[in-house]
Amino acid sequence: MLKKKKAQVWYLDFMVGLIIFTIMVVVYYQYSGNFSGEDESDWEEMMVDSNSISSSLMSAGLPSNWTEGNVTLLGITDGKYRINETKLWQFENMSYADAKNLFRTRFDFYFFLEDANGTKHHEAGLSPNSSKFLVATTRFVIYNSSINRAVIHLWKA
């Protein structure tokens, strides 16, 4: 009689495990069916572009003392994560189309600095709209002798 009870317990465990496994497979395929290949490709490209843009902005730029007329790589720091106010001002006042071309991205972007209190300042680009995907990249910089967050939002229009 003991053997029959043990077999019944193993059978019950097997059935519960099979039900959980089946539910997980169904949930996985429902989720992955909603994420198309094109969306995944855009998502990966946005991640690469966002990291590239944030790295560019954290550099001194090219040439290192660039102006709007001769810039080839946008950078707003001294190369050591300290904001150069002249470069920041030029970036903020640059046309959106020119900045987007210099970033070499097909996605829309929005940049801002945020202080320790969460106050946004020094914004550039377009404010994000409702989009299926939004990629945010954050870097820490020194601005006016305090640590600020430099945030880039990238999304597909």
N, C-alpha and C. Protein backbone atom coordinates (compact mmCIF):
# COMPACT_ATOMS: atom_id res chain seq x y z
N MET A 1 0.80 -1.20 0.00
CA MET A 1 0.00 0.00 0.00
C MET A 1 0.85 1.27 0.00
N LEU A 2 1.99 1.23 0.65
CA LEU A 2 2.83 2.41 0.69
C LEU A 2 3.35 2.77 -0.70
N LYS A 3 3.63 1.79 -1.50
CA LYS A 3 4.12 2.08 -2.84
C LYS A 3 3.08 2.80 -3.67
N LYS A 4 1.81 2.44 -3.51
CA LYS A 4 0.76 3.12 -4.27
C LYS A 4 0.66 4.59 -3.86
N LYS A 5 0.78 4.89 -2.60
CA LYS A 5 0.70 6.28 -2.15
C LYS A 5 1.88 7.09 -2.67
N LYS A 6 3.06 6.50 -2.66
CA LYS A 6 4.23 7.22 -3.17
C LYS A 6 4.06 7.50 -4.66
N ALA A 7 3.58 6.57 -5.39
CA ALA A 7 3.37 6.77 -6.82
C ALA A 7 2.33 7.85 -7.07
N GLN A 8 1.30 7.88 -6.23
CA GLN A 8 0.27 8.90 -6.40
C GLN A 8 0.84 10.29 -6.12
N VAL A 9 1.70 10.39 -5.14
CA VAL A 9 2.31 11.68 -4.82
C VAL A 9 3.19 12.13 -5.97
N TRP A 10 4.00 11.24 -6.52
CA TRP A 10 4.85 11.59 -7.65
C TRP A 10 4.01 11.97 -8.86
N TYR A 11 2.91 11.31 -9.06
CA TYR A 11 2.02 11.62 -10.18
C TYR A 11 1.44 13.02 -9.98
N LEU A 12 1.03 13.36 -8.77
CA LEU A 12 0.47 14.69 -8.48
C LEU A 12 1.53 15.77 -8.70
N ASP A 13 2.76 15.53 -8.22
CA ASP A 13 3.85 16.49 -8.45
C ASP A 13 4.12 16.68 -9.94
N PHE A 14 4.12 15.59 -10.66
CA PHE A 14 4.35 15.65 -12.09
C PHE A 14 3.26 16.48 -12.78
N MET A 15 2.01 16.28 -12.41
CA MET A 15 0.90 17.00 -13.04
C MET A 15 0.97 18.50 -12.72
N VAL A 16 1.27 18.87 -11.48
CA VAL A 16 1.39 20.28 -11.11
C VAL A 16 2.55 20.92 -11.88
N GLY A 17 3.67 20.23 -11.95
CA GLY A 17 4.82 20.75 -12.70
C GLY A 17 4.51 20.92 -14.17
N LEU A 18 3.80 19.97 -14.75
CA LEU A 18 3.42 20.05 -16.16
C LEU A 18 2.48 21.22 -16.41
N ILE A 19 1.54 21.45 -15.50
CA ILE A 19 0.60 22.58 -15.65
C ILE A 19 1.37 23.90 -15.57
N ILE A 20 2.28 24.04 -14.60
CA ILE A 20 3.06 25.28 -14.47
C ILE A 20 3.92 25.49 -15.72
N PHE A 21 4.56 24.44 -16.20
CA PHE A 21 5.37 24.54 -17.41
C PHE A 21 4.53 24.97 -18.60
N THR A 22 3.34 24.41 -18.76
CA THR A 22 2.46 24.75 -19.88
C THR A 22 2.03 26.21 -19.80
N ILE A 23 1.69 26.67 -18.61
CA ILE A 23 1.30 28.07 -18.44
C ILE A 23 2.44 29.00 -18.81
N MET A 24 3.66 28.67 -18.38
CA MET A 24 4.82 29.51 -18.69
C MET A 24 5.11 29.55 -20.19
N VAL A 25 4.96 28.43 -20.88
CA VAL A 25 5.18 28.39 -22.32
C VAL A 25 4.13 29.26 -23.03
N VAL A 26 2.88 29.18 -22.62
CA VAL A 26 1.82 29.99 -23.23
C VAL A 26 2.08 31.47 -23.00
N VAL A 27 2.43 31.86 -21.77
CA VAL A 27 2.71 33.26 -21.46
C VAL A 27 3.90 33.76 -22.29
N TYR A 28 4.95 32.97 -22.40
CA TYR A 28 6.12 33.36 -23.17
C TYR A 28 5.76 33.63 -24.63
N TYR A 29 5.02 32.73 -25.24
CA TYR A 29 4.69 32.92 -26.65
C TYR A 29 3.71 34.07 -26.87
N GLN A 30 2.86 34.35 -25.91
CA GLN A 30 1.99 35.51 -26.05
C GLN A 30 2.81 36.79 -25.98
N TYR A 31 3.75 36.84 -25.07
CA TYR A 31 4.60 38.03 -24.94
C TYR A 31 5.50 38.19 -26.16
N SER A 32 6.17 37.14 -26.56
CA SER A 32 7.10 37.26 -27.67
C SER A 32 6.39 37.50 -28.99
N GLY A 33 5.14 37.12 -29.10
CA GLY A 33 4.37 37.40 -30.31
C GLY A 33 4.07 38.87 -30.47
N ASN A 34 4.04 39.61 -29.36
CA ASN A 34 3.76 41.04 -29.40
C ASN A 34 5.01 41.87 -29.69
N PHE A 35 6.16 41.26 -29.72
CA PHE A 35 7.41 41.97 -29.92
C PHE A 35 7.96 41.56 -31.28
N SER A 36 7.66 42.36 -32.30
CA SER A 36 8.03 41.97 -33.66
C SER A 36 9.53 42.14 -33.90
N GLY A 37 10.01 41.53 -34.97
CA GLY A 37 11.42 41.60 -35.32
C GLY A 37 11.87 43.02 -35.63
N GLU A 38 11.01 43.79 -36.28
CA GLU A 38 11.35 45.18 -36.60
C GLU A 38 11.50 45.99 -35.32
N ASP A 39 10.58 45.77 -34.36
CA ASP A 39 10.67 46.48 -33.09
C ASP A 39 11.95 46.12 -32.36
N GLU A 40 12.32 44.87 -32.39
CA GLU A 40 13.54 44.43 -31.71
C GLU A 40 14.76 45.07 -32.36
N SER A 41 14.77 45.16 -33.67
CA SER A 41 15.87 45.79 -34.39
C SER A 41 15.97 47.28 -34.03
N ASP A 42 14.82 47.96 -34.01
CA ASP A 42 14.80 49.38 -33.62
C ASP A 42 15.28 49.56 -32.19
N TRP A 43 14.83 48.68 -31.31
CA TRP A 43 15.21 48.75 -29.91
C TRP A 43 16.73 48.64 -29.76
N GLU A 44 17.33 47.68 -30.44
CA GLU A 44 18.78 47.50 -30.36
C GLU A 44 19.52 48.71 -30.94
N GLU A 45 19.02 49.23 -32.06
CA GLU A 45 19.66 50.39 -32.67
C GLU A 45 19.54 51.62 -31.76
N MET A 46 18.39 51.78 -31.11
CA MET A 46 18.21 52.90 -30.19
C MET A 46 19.17 52.79 -29.00
N MET A 47 19.39 51.58 -28.50
CA MET A 47 20.31 51.39 -27.39
C MET A 47 21.73 51.79 -27.80
N VAL A 48 22.15 51.37 -28.99
CA VAL A 48 23.49 51.71 -29.49
C VAL A 48 23.61 53.22 -29.69
N ASP A 49 22.60 53.82 -30.34
CA ASP A 49 22.63 55.27 -30.59
C ASP A 49 22.63 56.06 -29.28
N SER A 50 21.84 55.65 -28.32
CA SER A 50 21.77 56.36 -27.04
C SER A 50 23.11 56.34 -26.33
N ASN A 51 23.76 55.20 -26.31
CA ASN A 51 25.09 55.11 -25.69
C ASN A 51 26.11 55.94 -26.46
N SER A 52 26.02 55.93 -27.78
CA SER A 52 26.93 56.71 -28.61
C SER A 52 26.75 58.21 -28.37
N ILE A 53 25.50 58.66 -28.31
CA ILE A 53 25.22 60.08 -28.08
C ILE A 53 25.71 60.51 -26.71
N SER A 54 25.43 59.70 -25.69
CA SER A 54 25.85 60.10 -24.35
C SER A 54 27.38 60.11 -24.24
N SER A 55 28.05 59.17 -24.90
CA SER A 55 29.52 59.18 -24.90
C SER A 55 30.06 60.40 -25.61
N SER A 56 29.43 60.75 -26.72
CA SER A 56 29.84 61.94 -27.46
C SER A 56 29.70 63.19 -26.60
N LEU A 57 28.55 63.34 -25.95
CA LEU A 57 28.31 64.52 -25.13
C LEU A 57 29.25 64.60 -23.92
N MET A 58 29.69 63.47 -23.41
CA MET A 58 30.59 63.47 -22.26
C MET A 58 32.04 63.70 -22.65
N SER A 59 32.29 63.84 -23.95
CA SER A 59 33.64 64.13 -24.43
C SER A 59 33.80 65.65 -24.59
N ALA A 60 34.99 66.05 -24.97
CA ALA A 60 35.23 67.47 -25.24
C ALA A 60 34.75 67.87 -26.62
N GLY A 61 34.44 66.87 -27.46
CA GLY A 61 34.00 67.14 -28.82
C GLY A 61 35.18 67.27 -29.76
N LEU A 62 34.86 67.40 -31.04
CA LEU A 62 35.89 67.60 -32.06
C LEU A 62 35.52 68.78 -32.93
N PRO A 63 36.39 69.70 -33.15
CA PRO A 63 37.63 69.92 -32.41
C PRO A 63 37.33 70.23 -30.94
N SER A 64 38.33 70.18 -30.09
CA SER A 64 38.10 70.31 -28.65
C SER A 64 37.55 71.69 -28.26
N ASN A 65 37.83 72.70 -29.06
CA ASN A 65 37.27 74.04 -28.81
C ASN A 65 36.28 74.40 -29.91
N TRP A 66 35.36 73.49 -30.18
CA TRP A 66 34.43 73.62 -31.30
C TRP A 66 33.47 74.79 -31.13
N THR A 67 33.02 75.24 -32.29
CA THR A 67 31.93 76.21 -32.35
C THR A 67 30.87 75.59 -33.26
N GLU A 68 29.73 76.20 -33.32
CA GLU A 68 28.65 75.64 -34.15
C GLU A 68 29.06 75.54 -35.61
N GLY A 69 29.97 76.40 -36.06
CA GLY A 69 30.39 76.39 -37.44
C GLY A 69 31.40 75.31 -37.81
N ASN A 70 32.15 74.80 -36.83
CA ASN A 70 33.19 73.83 -37.18
C ASN A 70 33.09 72.49 -36.45
N VAL A 71 32.03 72.26 -35.72
CA VAL A 71 31.90 71.04 -34.92
C VAL A 71 31.69 69.81 -35.80
N THR A 72 32.41 68.74 -35.47
CA THR A 72 32.20 67.46 -36.15
C THR A 72 31.72 66.40 -35.16
N LEU A 73 32.01 66.60 -33.85
CA LEU A 73 31.54 65.70 -32.80
C LEU A 73 31.12 66.56 -31.62
N LEU A 74 29.83 66.49 -31.27
CA LEU A 74 29.32 67.30 -30.17
C LEU A 74 29.81 66.76 -28.84
N GLY A 75 30.41 67.61 -28.05
CA GLY A 75 30.82 67.27 -26.69
C GLY A 75 30.64 68.49 -25.83
N ILE A 76 30.13 68.32 -24.60
CA ILE A 76 29.82 69.48 -23.76
C ILE A 76 30.66 69.51 -22.49
N THR A 77 31.68 68.65 -22.40
CA THR A 77 32.53 68.65 -21.20
C THR A 77 33.96 69.02 -21.57
N ASP A 78 34.78 69.07 -20.55
CA ASP A 78 36.21 69.29 -20.77
C ASP A 78 36.93 67.98 -21.03
N GLY A 79 36.18 66.90 -21.17
CA GLY A 79 36.75 65.57 -21.36
C GLY A 79 36.91 64.81 -20.06
N LYS A 80 36.62 65.48 -18.94
CA LYS A 80 36.75 64.86 -17.61
C LYS A 80 35.45 65.02 -16.82
N TYR A 81 34.34 64.96 -17.52
CA TYR A 81 33.00 65.00 -16.93
C TYR A 81 32.68 66.32 -16.21
N ARG A 82 33.37 67.38 -16.55
CA ARG A 82 33.05 68.71 -16.05
C ARG A 82 32.43 69.49 -17.21
N ILE A 83 31.23 69.99 -17.00
CA ILE A 83 30.50 70.70 -18.05
C ILE A 83 31.22 72.00 -18.41
N ASN A 84 31.40 72.22 -19.69
CA ASN A 84 31.92 73.47 -20.22
C ASN A 84 30.70 74.30 -20.59
N GLU A 85 30.48 75.40 -19.88
CA GLU A 85 29.25 76.18 -20.06
C GLU A 85 29.12 76.77 -21.46
N THR A 86 30.23 77.11 -22.08
CA THR A 86 30.18 77.66 -23.44
C THR A 86 29.67 76.60 -24.41
N LYS A 87 30.21 75.39 -24.31
CA LYS A 87 29.77 74.30 -25.19
C LYS A 87 28.32 73.92 -24.90
N LEU A 88 27.94 73.90 -23.63
CA LEU A 88 26.56 73.58 -23.26
C LEU A 88 25.61 74.61 -23.87
N TRP A 89 25.97 75.89 -23.76
CA TRP A 89 25.12 76.93 -24.30
C TRP A 89 25.01 76.80 -25.82
N GLN A 90 26.12 76.50 -26.50
CA GLN A 90 26.09 76.34 -27.96
C GLN A 90 25.23 75.14 -28.36
N PHE A 91 25.34 74.05 -27.61
CA PHE A 91 24.52 72.87 -27.89
C PHE A 91 23.04 73.17 -27.71
N GLU A 92 22.69 73.86 -26.64
CA GLU A 92 21.28 74.19 -26.37
C GLU A 92 20.69 75.09 -27.46
N ASN A 93 21.51 75.97 -28.01
CA ASN A 93 21.03 76.92 -29.00
C ASN A 93 21.21 76.46 -30.43
N MET A 94 21.77 75.27 -30.62
CA MET A 94 21.94 74.70 -31.95
C MET A 94 20.58 74.22 -32.46
N SER A 95 20.37 74.27 -33.76
CA SER A 95 19.10 73.77 -34.30
C SER A 95 18.98 72.27 -34.04
N TYR A 96 17.77 71.81 -33.85
CA TYR A 96 17.52 70.40 -33.57
C TYR A 96 18.03 69.53 -34.72
N ALA A 97 17.77 69.95 -35.95
CA ALA A 97 18.18 69.16 -37.12
C ALA A 97 19.70 69.04 -37.19
N ASP A 98 20.42 70.13 -36.91
CA ASP A 98 21.88 70.08 -36.94
C ASP A 98 22.42 69.14 -35.87
N ALA A 99 21.87 69.22 -34.66
CA ALA A 99 22.33 68.35 -33.57
C ALA A 99 22.04 66.89 -33.91
N LYS A 100 20.85 66.62 -34.43
CA LYS A 100 20.48 65.25 -34.78
C LYS A 100 21.41 64.69 -35.86
N ASN A 101 21.76 65.52 -36.84
CA ASN A 101 22.70 65.09 -37.89
C ASN A 101 24.09 64.81 -37.31
N LEU A 102 24.54 65.64 -36.37
CA LEU A 102 25.84 65.41 -35.76
C LEU A 102 25.85 64.14 -34.91
N PHE A 103 24.72 63.80 -34.32
CA PHE A 103 24.62 62.56 -33.55
C PHE A 103 24.50 61.33 -34.45
N ARG A 104 24.22 61.57 -35.72
CA ARG A 104 24.08 60.48 -36.71
C ARG A 104 23.05 59.43 -36.27
N THR A 105 21.87 59.92 -35.92
CA THR A 105 20.80 59.02 -35.51
C THR A 105 19.53 59.35 -36.27
N ARG A 106 18.69 58.36 -36.45
CA ARG A 106 17.41 58.58 -37.11
C ARG A 106 16.29 58.74 -36.10
N PHE A 107 16.64 58.62 -34.82
CA PHE A 107 15.64 58.71 -33.75
C PHE A 107 15.61 60.12 -33.18
N ASP A 108 14.48 60.47 -32.57
CA ASP A 108 14.36 61.76 -31.91
C ASP A 108 15.07 61.70 -30.56
N PHE A 109 15.58 62.85 -30.11
CA PHE A 109 16.30 62.88 -28.85
C PHE A 109 15.87 64.04 -27.98
N TYR A 110 16.10 63.89 -26.70
CA TYR A 110 15.85 64.94 -25.71
C TYR A 110 16.96 64.83 -24.67
N PHE A 111 17.62 65.94 -24.40
CA PHE A 111 18.71 65.99 -23.44
C PHE A 111 18.36 66.97 -22.33
N PHE A 112 18.75 66.64 -21.11
CA PHE A 112 18.63 67.60 -20.02
C PHE A 112 19.61 67.26 -18.91
N LEU A 113 19.91 68.27 -18.11
CA LEU A 113 20.68 68.08 -16.89
C LEU A 113 19.68 68.10 -15.74
N GLU A 114 19.97 67.34 -14.72
CA GLU A 114 19.09 67.27 -13.55
C GLU A 114 19.95 67.36 -12.30
N ASP A 115 19.61 68.30 -11.41
CA ASP A 115 20.40 68.45 -10.19
C ASP A 115 19.97 67.44 -9.13
N ALA A 116 20.59 67.50 -7.97
CA ALA A 116 20.33 66.54 -6.89
C ALA A 116 18.89 66.62 -6.39
N ASN A 117 18.23 67.76 -6.58
CA ASN A 117 16.84 67.92 -6.14
C ASN A 117 15.84 67.41 -7.18
N GLY A 118 16.34 66.97 -8.34
CA GLY A 118 15.47 66.48 -9.40
C GLY A 118 14.96 67.57 -10.32
N THR A 119 15.54 68.76 -10.23
CA THR A 119 15.13 69.88 -11.08
C THR A 119 15.85 69.78 -12.42
N LYS A 120 15.06 69.81 -13.50
CA LYS A 120 15.64 69.78 -14.85
C LYS A 120 16.10 71.18 -15.25
N HIS A 121 17.22 71.22 -15.93
CA HIS A 121 17.71 72.48 -16.49
C HIS A 121 18.58 72.17 -17.70
N HIS A 122 18.83 73.18 -18.49
CA HIS A 122 19.65 73.05 -19.71
C HIS A 122 19.14 71.93 -20.61
N GLU A 123 17.97 72.14 -21.16
CA GLU A 123 17.33 71.14 -22.02
C GLU A 123 17.65 71.41 -23.49
N ALA A 124 17.71 70.34 -24.28
CA ALA A 124 17.91 70.45 -25.72
C ALA A 124 17.17 69.30 -26.39
N GLY A 125 16.71 69.52 -27.59
CA GLY A 125 16.00 68.48 -28.32
C GLY A 125 14.51 68.61 -28.18
N LEU A 126 13.79 67.55 -28.52
CA LEU A 126 12.34 67.53 -28.46
C LEU A 126 11.88 66.81 -27.21
N SER A 127 10.81 67.29 -26.60
CA SER A 127 10.24 66.57 -25.46
C SER A 127 9.64 65.27 -25.96
N PRO A 128 9.85 64.18 -25.23
CA PRO A 128 9.32 62.88 -25.68
C PRO A 128 7.80 62.90 -25.77
N ASN A 129 7.30 62.26 -26.82
CA ASN A 129 5.86 62.11 -26.97
C ASN A 129 5.50 60.68 -26.61
N SER A 130 4.27 60.33 -26.83
CA SER A 130 3.90 58.94 -26.55
C SER A 130 4.50 58.06 -27.63
N SER A 131 5.36 57.17 -27.21
CA SER A 131 6.05 56.29 -28.12
C SER A 131 6.07 54.89 -27.53
N LYS A 132 6.12 53.90 -28.41
CA LYS A 132 6.14 52.52 -27.94
C LYS A 132 7.43 52.22 -27.18
N PHE A 133 8.54 52.77 -27.65
CA PHE A 133 9.84 52.55 -27.01
C PHE A 133 10.49 53.88 -26.69
N LEU A 134 11.09 53.95 -25.53
CA LEU A 134 11.88 55.11 -25.13
C LEU A 134 13.11 54.58 -24.42
N VAL A 135 14.27 54.97 -24.87
CA VAL A 135 15.53 54.55 -24.26
C VAL A 135 16.10 55.75 -23.52
N ALA A 136 16.46 55.55 -22.26
CA ALA A 136 17.06 56.62 -21.46
C ALA A 136 18.46 56.19 -21.04
N THR A 137 19.41 57.10 -21.22
CA THR A 137 20.79 56.87 -20.79
C THR A 137 21.18 58.01 -19.87
N THR A 138 21.75 57.66 -18.74
CA THR A 138 22.12 58.66 -17.73
C THR A 138 23.61 58.60 -17.46
N ARG A 139 24.22 59.76 -17.39
CA ARG A 139 25.63 59.89 -17.01
C ARG A 139 25.70 60.94 -15.90
N PHE A 140 26.69 60.84 -15.06
CA PHE A 140 26.89 61.82 -14.01
C PHE A 140 27.99 62.78 -14.44
N VAL A 141 27.73 64.07 -14.23
CA VAL A 141 28.67 65.12 -14.61
C VAL A 141 28.78 66.14 -13.47
N ILE A 142 29.81 66.96 -13.57
CA ILE A 142 29.97 68.04 -12.60
C ILE A 142 29.59 69.34 -13.29
N TYR A 143 28.63 70.03 -12.70
CA TYR A 143 28.17 71.31 -13.23
C TYR A 143 28.07 72.28 -12.07
N ASN A 144 28.73 73.41 -12.17
CA ASN A 144 28.76 74.41 -11.10
C ASN A 144 29.17 73.78 -9.77
N SER A 145 30.19 72.98 -9.77
CA SER A 145 30.76 72.34 -8.58
C SER A 145 29.81 71.38 -7.86
N SER A 146 28.80 70.90 -8.56
CA SER A 146 27.91 69.90 -7.96
C SER A 146 27.65 68.79 -8.98
N ILE A 147 27.29 67.64 -8.46
CA ILE A 147 27.04 66.49 -9.33
C ILE A 147 25.63 66.59 -9.89
N ASN A 148 25.53 66.44 -11.19
CA ASN A 148 24.26 66.46 -11.90
C ASN A 148 24.15 65.21 -12.75
N ARG A 149 22.92 64.88 -13.12
CA ARG A 149 22.70 63.79 -14.06
C ARG A 149 22.51 64.39 -15.44
N ALA A 150 23.23 63.86 -16.42
CA ALA A 150 23.03 64.22 -17.83
C ALA A 150 22.22 63.08 -18.43
N VAL A 151 21.00 63.37 -18.89
CA VAL A 151 20.08 62.34 -19.34
C VAL A 151 19.77 62.52 -20.82
N ILE A 152 19.84 61.43 -21.56
CA ILE A 152 19.45 61.40 -22.98
C ILE A 152 18.26 60.47 -23.12
N HIS A 153 17.20 60.96 -23.72
CA HIS A 153 16.06 60.12 -24.08
C HIS A 153 16.05 59.99 -25.60
N LEU A 154 15.85 58.79 -26.08
CA LEU A 154 15.80 58.51 -27.51
C LEU A 154 14.54 57.72 -27.78
N TRP A 155 13.83 58.06 -28.84
CA TRP A 155 12.62 57.32 -29.20
C TRP A 155 12.36 57.40 -30.68
N LYS A 156 11.52 56.50 -31.14
CA LYS A 156 11.16 56.46 -32.54
C LYS A 156 9.89 57.27 -32.76
N ALA A 157 9.97 58.20 -33.69
CA ALA A 157 8.82 59.08 -33.95
C ALA A 157 7.70 58.34 -34.65
